[in-house]
């Protein structure tokens, strides 16, 4: 018994040393894994910082190019106005597109100007009280039909603009908009962007793309007239409202 006891005592330290070596190995593995994770996180953060820096540089560069194009356009418009203060027409220098030109290595500039006064002004349909302008209503109805849309949208636009809660015969006020998902209200102010047409219930992207090239959101001022020198054919046809006086080449040659 004494011999067995002494042998057991001699063997105990060996088990302890083996356990210690196992723990040390686990700690080493954990340290390696932790270092790997930290290194990967640092590498990822460095890569993201580089991408953010590149994106910021590209954004600043694009902004400067856009500001330069805007300054060039303003200079051109001032020059045109100084030379001819009475008329604005497409044969003037402002209407000629610029570019594409390389303004800085790898960056091309291409720009053009359009006279929005040649489009139909959505804010001319009615005043804030909702009183429609018969001439503008008729023109907008003609324009809608010419691009294949329903004339009911005249009432929707008027109700979007006016501040009263009484819907037009073909329009919609807050009672309709609050039933949508998500619910919202009419603007009850003049339109600031033609994209507000997309807020009309059921108008949709296809209708917007069909109508957008011919409408604008200009100040609701009686002095803001349609410039017939720059108006597209469909806008002219909408105001003329008579097939014998259309803007197609045959009608122009005839009349």
C-alpha atoms as a PDB file:
ATOM      1  CA  UNK A   1       0.000   0.000   0.000  1.00  0.00           C
ATOM      2  CA  UNK A   2       2.854   2.322   0.839  1.00  0.00           C
ATOM      3  CA  UNK A   3       4.447   1.646  -2.543  1.00  0.00           C
ATOM      4  CA  UNK A   4       1.237   2.442  -4.425  1.00  0.00           C
ATOM      5  CA  UNK A   5       0.728   5.622  -2.457  1.00  0.00           C
ATOM      6  CA  UNK A   6       4.230   6.840  -3.196  1.00  0.00           C
ATOM      7  CA  UNK A   7       3.789   6.031  -6.911  1.00  0.00           C
ATOM      8  CA  UNK A   8       0.530   7.958  -7.025  1.00  0.00           C
ATOM      9  CA  UNK A   9       2.142  10.971  -5.412  1.00  0.00           C
ATOM     10  CA  UNK A  10       4.933  10.880  -7.983  1.00  0.00           C
ATOM     11  CA  UNK A  11       2.451  10.783 -10.866  1.00  0.00           C
ATOM     12  CA  UNK A  12       0.233  13.688  -9.722  1.00  0.00           C
ATOM     13  CA  UNK A  13       2.580  16.526 -10.838  1.00  0.00           C
ATOM     14  CA  UNK A  14       2.691  15.051 -14.327  1.00  0.00           C
ATOM     15  CA  UNK A  15      -1.096  15.398 -14.696  1.00  0.00           C
ATOM     16  CA  UNK A  16      -0.926  18.961 -13.417  1.00  0.00           C
ATOM     17  CA  UNK A  17       1.821  19.871 -15.877  1.00  0.00           C
ATOM     18  CA  UNK A  18      -0.196  18.367 -18.724  1.00  0.00           C
ATOM     19  CA  UNK A  19      -3.291  20.348 -17.717  1.00  0.00           C
ATOM     20  CA  UNK A  20      -1.257  23.535 -17.503  1.00  0.00           C
ATOM     21  CA  UNK A  21       0.167  22.935 -20.982  1.00  0.00           C
ATOM     22  CA  UNK A  22      -3.375  22.416 -22.325  1.00  0.00           C
ATOM     23  CA  UNK A  23      -4.610  25.642 -20.756  1.00  0.00           C
ATOM     24  CA  UNK A  24      -1.617  27.526 -22.125  1.00  0.00           C
ATOM     25  CA  UNK A  25      -2.349  26.155 -25.606  1.00  0.00           C
ATOM     26  CA  UNK A  26      -5.978  27.282 -25.391  1.00  0.00           C
ATOM     27  CA  UNK A  27      -4.917  30.744 -24.247  1.00  0.00           C
ATOM     28  CA  UNK A  28      -2.457  30.952 -27.143  1.00  0.00           C
ATOM     29  CA  UNK A  29      -5.166  29.951 -29.630  1.00  0.00           C
ATOM     30  CA  UNK A  30      -7.548  32.532 -28.188  1.00  0.00           C
ATOM     31  CA  UNK A  31      -4.884  35.220 -28.407  1.00  0.00           C
ATOM     32  CA  UNK A  32      -4.151  34.343 -32.039  1.00  0.00           C
ATOM     33  CA  UNK A  33      -7.879  34.424 -32.855  1.00  0.00           C
ATOM     34  CA  UNK A  34      -8.294  37.759 -31.072  1.00  0.00           C
ATOM     35  CA  UNK A  35      -5.328  39.259 -32.893  1.00  0.00           C
ATOM     36  CA  UNK A  36      -6.728  37.993 -36.196  1.00  0.00           C
ATOM     37  CA  UNK A  37     -10.095  39.614 -35.510  1.00  0.00           C
ATOM     38  CA  UNK A  38      -8.451  42.892 -34.509  1.00  0.00           C
ATOM     39  CA  UNK A  39      -6.246  42.868 -37.608  1.00  0.00           C
ATOM     40  CA  UNK A  40      -9.243  42.168 -39.843  1.00  0.00           C
ATOM     41  CA  UNK A  41     -11.216  44.988 -38.203  1.00  0.00           C
ATOM     42  CA  UNK A  42      -8.327  47.415 -38.690  1.00  0.00           C
ATOM     43  CA  UNK A  43      -7.930  46.386 -42.331  1.00  0.00           C
ATOM     44  CA  UNK A  44     -11.676  46.788 -42.936  1.00  0.00           C
ATOM     45  CA  UNK A  45     -11.747  50.211 -41.301  1.00  0.00           C
ATOM     46  CA  UNK A  46      -8.751  51.326 -43.361  1.00  0.00           C
ATOM     47  CA  UNK A  47     -10.440  50.133 -46.547  1.00  0.00           C
ATOM     48  CA  UNK A  48     -13.679  51.924 -45.642  1.00  0.00           C
ATOM     49  CA  UNK A  49     -11.782  55.107 -44.805  1.00  0.00           C
ATOM     50  CA  UNK A  50     -10.079  54.974 -48.186  1.00  0.00           C
ATOM     51  CA  UNK A  51     -13.419  54.471 -49.934  1.00  0.00           C
ATOM     52  CA  UNK A  52     -15.003  57.313 -47.992  1.00  0.00           C
ATOM     53  CA  UNK A  53     -12.115  59.570 -48.907  1.00  0.00           C
ATOM     54  CA  UNK A  54     -12.405  58.642 -52.581  1.00  0.00           C
ATOM     55  CA  UNK A  55     -16.170  59.200 -52.562  1.00  0.00           C
ATOM     56  CA  UNK A  56     -15.813  62.558 -50.814  1.00  0.00           C
ATOM     57  CA  UNK A  57     -13.205  63.682 -53.339  1.00  0.00           C
ATOM     58  CA  UNK A  58     -15.401  62.600 -56.258  1.00  0.00           C
ATOM     59  CA  UNK A  59     -18.421  64.391 -54.762  1.00  0.00           C
ATOM     60  CA  UNK A  60     -16.485  67.613 -54.200  1.00  0.00           C
ATOM     61  CA  UNK A  61     -15.086  67.427 -57.719  1.00  0.00           C
ATOM     62  CA  UNK A  62     -18.544  66.897 -59.234  1.00  0.00           C
ATOM     63  CA  UNK A  63     -19.932  69.777 -57.164  1.00  0.00           C
ATOM     64  CA  UNK A  64     -17.230  72.133 -58.394  1.00  0.00           C
ATOM     65  CA  UNK A  65     -17.845  71.094 -61.997  1.00  0.00           C
ATOM     66  CA  UNK A  66     -21.593  71.674 -61.569  1.00  0.00           C
ATOM     67  CA  UNK A  67     -20.985  75.088 -60.003  1.00  0.00           C
ATOM     68  CA  UNK A  68     -18.692  75.963 -62.880  1.00  0.00           C
ATOM     69  CA  UNK A  69     -21.364  74.956 -65.386  1.00  0.00           C
ATOM     70  CA  UNK A  70     -23.908  77.076 -63.511  1.00  0.00           C
ATOM     71  CA  UNK A  71     -21.590  80.078 -63.573  1.00  0.00           C
ATOM     72  CA  UNK A  72     -21.011  79.577 -67.300  1.00  0.00           C
ATOM     73  CA  UNK A  73     -24.772  79.425 -67.893  1.00  0.00           C
ATOM     74  CA  UNK A  74     -25.345  82.610 -65.889  1.00  0.00           C
ATOM     75  CA  UNK A  75     -22.665  84.392 -67.913  1.00  0.00           C
ATOM     76  CA  UNK A  76     -24.237  83.222 -71.165  1.00  0.00           C
ATOM     77  CA  UNK A  77     -27.711  84.366 -70.115  1.00  0.00           C
ATOM     78  CA  UNK A  78     -26.417  87.788 -69.097  1.00  0.00           C
ATOM     79  CA  UNK A  79     -24.738  88.137 -72.472  1.00  0.00           C
ATOM     80  CA  UNK A  80     -27.916  87.165 -74.320  1.00  0.00           C
ATOM     81  CA  UNK A  81     -29.994  89.598 -72.265  1.00  0.00           C
ATOM     82  CA  UNK A  82     -27.584  92.458 -72.928  1.00  0.00           C
ATOM     83  CA  UNK A  83     -27.768  91.817 -76.672  1.00  0.00           C
ATOM     84  CA  UNK A  84     -31.522  91.245 -76.906  1.00  0.00           C
ATOM     85  CA  UNK A  85     -33.718  92.301 -73.981  1.00  0.00           C
ATOM     86  CA  UNK A  86     -37.006  91.768 -75.787  1.00  0.00           C
ATOM     87  CA  UNK A  87     -37.058  88.189 -77.039  1.00  0.00           C
ATOM     88  CA  UNK A  88     -35.857  84.784 -75.895  1.00  0.00           C
ATOM     89  CA  UNK A  89     -35.724  82.174 -78.636  1.00  0.00           C
ATOM     90  CA  UNK A  90     -33.959  78.920 -79.419  1.00  0.00           C
ATOM     91  CA  UNK A  91     -31.564  80.399 -81.996  1.00  0.00           C
ATOM     92  CA  UNK A  92     -29.726  82.374 -79.315  1.00  0.00           C
ATOM     93  CA  UNK A  93     -26.465  81.217 -77.814  1.00  0.00           C
ATOM     94  CA  UNK A  94     -27.963  80.003 -74.523  1.00  0.00           C
ATOM     95  CA  UNK A  95     -29.831  77.224 -76.345  1.00  0.00           C
ATOM     96  CA  UNK A  96     -26.681  75.624 -77.735  1.00  0.00           C
ATOM     97  CA  UNK A  97     -25.555  72.602 -75.675  1.00  0.00           C
ATOM     98  CA  UNK A  98     -22.070  72.607 -74.183  1.00  0.00           C
ATOM     99  CA  UNK A  99     -19.703  69.675 -74.498  1.00  0.00           C
ATOM    100  CA  UNK A 100     -18.854  67.067 -73.885  1.00  0.00           C
ATOM    101  CA  UNK A 101     -15.570  68.658 -72.833  1.00  0.00           C
ATOM    102  CA  UNK A 102     -12.936  67.359 -70.417  1.00  0.00           C
ATOM    103  CA  UNK A 103     -12.718  69.923 -67.624  1.00  0.00           C
ATOM    104  CA  UNK A 104     -10.289  67.899 -65.494  1.00  0.00           C
ATOM    105  CA  UNK A 105      -8.577  64.606 -66.318  1.00  0.00           C
ATOM    106  CA  UNK A 106     -11.207  61.905 -66.438  1.00  0.00           C
ATOM    107  CA  UNK A 107     -14.179  64.250 -65.890  1.00  0.00           C
ATOM    108  CA  UNK A 108     -16.389  65.249 -68.814  1.00  0.00           C
ATOM    109  CA  UNK A 109     -18.854  68.144 -68.770  1.00  0.00           C
ATOM    110  CA  UNK A 110     -21.984  68.135 -70.888  1.00  0.00           C
ATOM    111  CA  UNK A 111     -24.713  70.692 -70.224  1.00  0.00           C
ATOM    112  CA  UNK A 112     -27.709  72.354 -71.800  1.00  0.00           C
ATOM    113  CA  UNK A 113     -30.299  74.983 -70.874  1.00  0.00           C
ATOM    114  CA  UNK A 114     -34.053  74.918 -71.368  1.00  0.00           C
ATOM    115  CA  UNK A 115     -36.504  77.774 -71.093  1.00  0.00           C
ATOM    116  CA  UNK A 116     -39.089  76.477 -68.610  1.00  0.00           C
ATOM    117  CA  UNK A 117     -41.338  79.367 -69.567  1.00  0.00           C
ATOM    118  CA  UNK A 118     -41.965  77.439 -72.756  1.00  0.00           C
ATOM    119  CA  UNK A 119     -43.782  74.780 -70.727  1.00  0.00           C
ATOM    120  CA  UNK A 120     -47.248  74.794 -69.194  1.00  0.00           C
ATOM    121  CA  UNK A 121     -47.157  76.334 -65.718  1.00  0.00           C
ATOM    122  CA  UNK A 122     -49.066  74.074 -63.318  1.00  0.00           C
ATOM    123  CA  UNK A 123     -49.503  76.932 -60.848  1.00  0.00           C
ATOM    124  CA  UNK A 124     -51.494  78.915 -63.403  1.00  0.00           C
ATOM    125  CA  UNK A 125     -54.500  76.572 -63.157  1.00  0.00           C
ATOM    126  CA  UNK A 126     -56.147  78.307 -60.187  1.00  0.00           C
ATOM    127  CA  UNK A 127     -55.606  80.790 -57.395  1.00  0.00           C
ATOM    128  CA  UNK A 128     -55.201  79.839 -53.736  1.00  0.00           C
ATOM    129  CA  UNK A 129     -58.966  80.029 -53.193  1.00  0.00           C
ATOM    130  CA  UNK A 130     -59.462  77.346 -55.814  1.00  0.00           C
ATOM    131  CA  UNK A 131     -60.919  79.618 -58.489  1.00  0.00           C
ATOM    132  CA  UNK A 132     -59.885  78.040 -61.796  1.00  0.00           C
ATOM    133  CA  UNK A 133     -58.601  79.996 -64.763  1.00  0.00           C
ATOM    134  CA  UNK A 134     -60.768  78.842 -67.705  1.00  0.00           C
ATOM    135  CA  UNK A 135     -58.064  79.426 -70.315  1.00  0.00           C
ATOM    136  CA  UNK A 136     -55.428  77.513 -68.356  1.00  0.00           C
ATOM    137  CA  UNK A 137     -57.853  74.714 -67.478  1.00  0.00           C
ATOM    138  CA  UNK A 138     -58.762  74.247 -71.144  1.00  0.00           C
ATOM    139  CA  UNK A 139     -55.101  74.288 -72.189  1.00  0.00           C
ATOM    140  CA  UNK A 140     -54.102  71.761 -69.535  1.00  0.00           C
ATOM    141  CA  UNK A 141     -57.000  69.496 -70.502  1.00  0.00           C
ATOM    142  CA  UNK A 142     -55.834  69.598 -74.120  1.00  0.00           C
ATOM    143  CA  UNK A 143     -52.267  68.886 -73.056  1.00  0.00           C
ATOM    144  CA  UNK A 144     -53.321  65.892 -70.968  1.00  0.00           C
ATOM    145  CA  UNK A 145     -55.268  64.441 -73.865  1.00  0.00           C
ATOM    146  CA  UNK A 146     -52.392  65.003 -76.278  1.00  0.00           C
ATOM    147  CA  UNK A 147     -50.089  62.816 -74.153  1.00  0.00           C
ATOM    148  CA  UNK A 148     -52.760  60.164 -73.630  1.00  0.00           C
ATOM    149  CA  UNK A 149     -53.859  61.057 -70.078  1.00  0.00           C
ATOM    150  CA  UNK A 150     -57.273  61.601 -68.516  1.00  0.00           C
ATOM    151  CA  UNK A 151     -58.579  65.141 -68.094  1.00  0.00           C
ATOM    152  CA  UNK A 152     -59.643  64.389 -64.506  1.00  0.00           C
ATOM    153  CA  UNK A 153     -56.120  65.269 -63.369  1.00  0.00           C
ATOM    154  CA  UNK A 154     -56.960  68.946 -63.858  1.00  0.00           C
ATOM    155  CA  UNK A 155     -59.177  68.800 -60.770  1.00  0.00           C
ATOM    156  CA  UNK A 156     -56.584  66.851 -58.804  1.00  0.00           C
ATOM    157  CA  UNK A 157     -53.912  69.489 -59.434  1.00  0.00           C
ATOM    158  CA  UNK A 158     -56.269  72.352 -58.540  1.00  0.00           C
ATOM    159  CA  UNK A 159     -57.228  70.647 -55.259  1.00  0.00           C
ATOM    160  CA  UNK A 160     -53.548  70.042 -54.502  1.00  0.00           C
ATOM    161  CA  UNK A 161     -52.893  73.782 -54.848  1.00  0.00           C
ATOM    162  CA  UNK A 162     -55.914  75.443 -53.227  1.00  0.00           C
ATOM    163  CA  UNK A 163     -56.245  75.846 -49.467  1.00  0.00           C
ATOM    164  CA  UNK A 164     -59.947  75.029 -49.180  1.00  0.00           C
ATOM    165  CA  UNK A 165     -61.261  71.569 -48.359  1.00  0.00           C
ATOM    166  CA  UNK A 166     -63.890  71.421 -51.088  1.00  0.00           C
ATOM    167  CA  UNK A 167     -62.975  68.918 -53.798  1.00  0.00           C
ATOM    168  CA  UNK A 168     -63.323  69.763 -57.468  1.00  0.00           C
ATOM    169  CA  UNK A 169     -65.798  67.657 -59.493  1.00  0.00           C
ATOM    170  CA  UNK A 170     -62.974  65.372 -60.654  1.00  0.00           C
ATOM    171  CA  UNK A 171     -60.521  66.159 -57.856  1.00  0.00           C
ATOM    172  CA  UNK A 172     -59.655  64.987 -54.354  1.00  0.00           C
ATOM    173  CA  UNK A 173     -59.056  66.651 -51.010  1.00  0.00           C
ATOM    174  CA  UNK A 174     -57.744  65.431 -47.635  1.00  0.00           C
ATOM    175  CA  UNK A 175     -60.597  62.950 -47.155  1.00  0.00           C
ATOM    176  CA  UNK A 176     -59.172  60.900 -50.034  1.00  0.00           C
ATOM    177  CA  UNK A 177     -55.504  61.313 -49.170  1.00  0.00           C
ATOM    178  CA  UNK A 178     -56.008  60.378 -45.515  1.00  0.00           C
ATOM    179  CA  UNK A 179     -57.429  57.038 -46.623  1.00  0.00           C
ATOM    180  CA  UNK A 180     -54.215  56.087 -48.431  1.00  0.00           C
ATOM    181  CA  UNK A 181     -51.371  53.982 -47.032  1.00  0.00           C
ATOM    182  CA  UNK A 182     -49.488  55.820 -45.662  1.00  0.00           C
ATOM    183  CA  UNK A 183     -51.961  58.681 -45.177  1.00  0.00           C
ATOM    184  CA  UNK A 184     -50.996  62.267 -45.999  1.00  0.00           C
ATOM    185  CA  UNK A 185     -52.628  65.587 -46.832  1.00  0.00           C
ATOM    186  CA  UNK A 186     -52.774  67.849 -49.834  1.00  0.00           C
ATOM    187  CA  UNK A 187     -50.067  70.500 -50.069  1.00  0.00           C
ATOM    188  CA  UNK A 188     -52.500  73.459 -49.977  1.00  0.00           C
ATOM    189  CA  UNK A 189     -49.851  75.637 -51.592  1.00  0.00           C
ATOM    190  CA  UNK A 190     -48.397  76.258 -55.019  1.00  0.00           C
ATOM    191  CA  UNK A 191     -46.357  73.464 -56.539  1.00  0.00           C
ATOM    192  CA  UNK A 192     -42.594  73.861 -56.162  1.00  0.00           C
ATOM    193  CA  UNK A 193     -41.543  70.828 -58.222  1.00  0.00           C
ATOM    194  CA  UNK A 194     -43.318  68.936 -60.970  1.00  0.00           C
ATOM    195  CA  UNK A 195     -42.445  65.723 -59.114  1.00  0.00           C
ATOM    196  CA  UNK A 196     -45.307  66.592 -56.744  1.00  0.00           C
ATOM    197  CA  UNK A 197     -47.575  65.138 -59.422  1.00  0.00           C
ATOM    198  CA  UNK A 198     -46.428  61.731 -58.195  1.00  0.00           C
ATOM    199  CA  UNK A 199     -48.234  62.442 -54.922  1.00  0.00           C
ATOM    200  CA  UNK A 200     -51.603  62.520 -56.680  1.00  0.00           C
ATOM    201  CA  UNK A 201     -53.396  59.243 -55.907  1.00  0.00           C
ATOM    202  CA  UNK A 202     -53.124  56.881 -58.841  1.00  0.00           C
ATOM    203  CA  UNK A 203     -51.077  59.229 -61.029  1.00  0.00           C
ATOM    204  CA  UNK A 204     -48.047  56.974 -61.152  1.00  0.00           C
ATOM    205  CA  UNK A 205     -44.656  56.995 -62.819  1.00  0.00           C
ATOM    206  CA  UNK A 206     -45.811  56.309 -66.393  1.00  0.00           C
ATOM    207  CA  UNK A 207     -48.177  59.275 -66.438  1.00  0.00           C
ATOM    208  CA  UNK A 208     -45.511  61.487 -64.917  1.00  0.00           C
ATOM    209  CA  UNK A 209     -42.926  60.547 -67.540  1.00  0.00           C
ATOM    210  CA  UNK A 210     -45.439  61.245 -70.301  1.00  0.00           C
ATOM    211  CA  UNK A 211     -46.372  64.691 -68.965  1.00  0.00           C
ATOM    212  CA  UNK A 212     -43.145  65.929 -67.334  1.00  0.00           C
ATOM    213  CA  UNK A 213     -41.424  67.256 -70.505  1.00  0.00           C
ATOM    214  CA  UNK A 214     -44.279  69.720 -71.052  1.00  0.00           C
ATOM    215  CA  UNK A 215     -45.002  71.145 -67.589  1.00  0.00           C
ATOM    216  CA  UNK A 216     -43.160  73.345 -65.098  1.00  0.00           C
ATOM    217  CA  UNK A 217     -43.680  74.758 -61.603  1.00  0.00           C
ATOM    218  CA  UNK A 218     -43.209  78.499 -62.063  1.00  0.00           C
ATOM    219  CA  UNK A 219     -44.458  81.372 -59.875  1.00  0.00           C
ATOM    220  CA  UNK A 220     -48.208  81.931 -59.976  1.00  0.00           C
ATOM    221  CA  UNK A 221     -47.845  85.350 -61.554  1.00  0.00           C
ATOM    222  CA  UNK A 222     -50.089  86.626 -64.370  1.00  0.00           C
ATOM    223  CA  UNK A 223     -46.999  88.188 -65.922  1.00  0.00           C
ATOM    224  CA  UNK A 224     -45.416  84.750 -66.376  1.00  0.00           C
ATOM    225  CA  UNK A 225     -46.582  83.988 -69.893  1.00  0.00           C
ATOM    226  CA  UNK A 226     -45.810  81.007 -72.093  1.00  0.00           C
ATOM    227  CA  UNK A 227     -42.911  81.788 -74.396  1.00  0.00           C
ATOM    228  CA  UNK A 228     -44.191  80.652 -77.783  1.00  0.00           C
ATOM    229  CA  UNK A 229     -40.659  80.919 -79.187  1.00  0.00           C
ATOM    230  CA  UNK A 230     -39.408  78.047 -77.020  1.00  0.00           C
ATOM    231  CA  UNK A 231     -42.618  76.114 -76.300  1.00  0.00           C
ATOM    232  CA  UNK A 232     -42.734  72.534 -77.616  1.00  0.00           C
ATOM    233  CA  UNK A 233     -45.394  71.661 -80.157  1.00  0.00           C
ATOM    234  CA  UNK A 234     -47.742  69.966 -77.709  1.00  0.00           C
ATOM    235  CA  UNK A 235     -47.846  73.044 -75.480  1.00  0.00           C
ATOM    236  CA  UNK A 236     -48.645  75.277 -78.449  1.00  0.00           C
ATOM    237  CA  UNK A 237     -51.330  72.858 -79.586  1.00  0.00           C
ATOM    238  CA  UNK A 238     -52.803  72.812 -76.074  1.00  0.00           C
ATOM    239  CA  UNK A 239     -53.305  76.586 -76.094  1.00  0.00           C
ATOM    240  CA  UNK A 240     -54.422  76.821 -79.707  1.00  0.00           C
ATOM    241  CA  UNK A 241     -56.965  74.089 -79.120  1.00  0.00           C
ATOM    242  CA  UNK A 242     -57.938  73.807 -82.761  1.00  0.00           C
ATOM    243  CA  UNK A 243     -56.817  71.152 -85.242  1.00  0.00           C
ATOM    244  CA  UNK A 244     -56.449  73.726 -88.025  1.00  0.00           C
ATOM    245  CA  UNK A 245     -53.843  75.604 -85.999  1.00  0.00           C
ATOM    246  CA  UNK A 246     -51.629  72.817 -84.740  1.00  0.00           C
ATOM    247  CA  UNK A 247     -47.851  72.953 -84.480  1.00  0.00           C
ATOM    248  CA  UNK A 248     -47.113  70.052 -86.822  1.00  0.00           C
ATOM    249  CA  UNK A 249     -45.225  71.004 -90.015  1.00  0.00           C
ATOM    250  CA  UNK A 250     -48.283  70.759 -92.282  1.00  0.00           C
ATOM    251  CA  UNK A 251     -50.376  73.050 -90.075  1.00  0.00           C
ATOM    252  CA  UNK A 252     -47.572  75.567 -89.750  1.00  0.00           C
ATOM    253  CA  UNK A 253     -47.089  75.634 -93.508  1.00  0.00           C
ATOM    254  CA  UNK A 254     -50.842  76.042 -94.028  1.00  0.00           C
ATOM    255  CA  UNK A 255     -51.376  78.799 -91.478  1.00  0.00           C
END
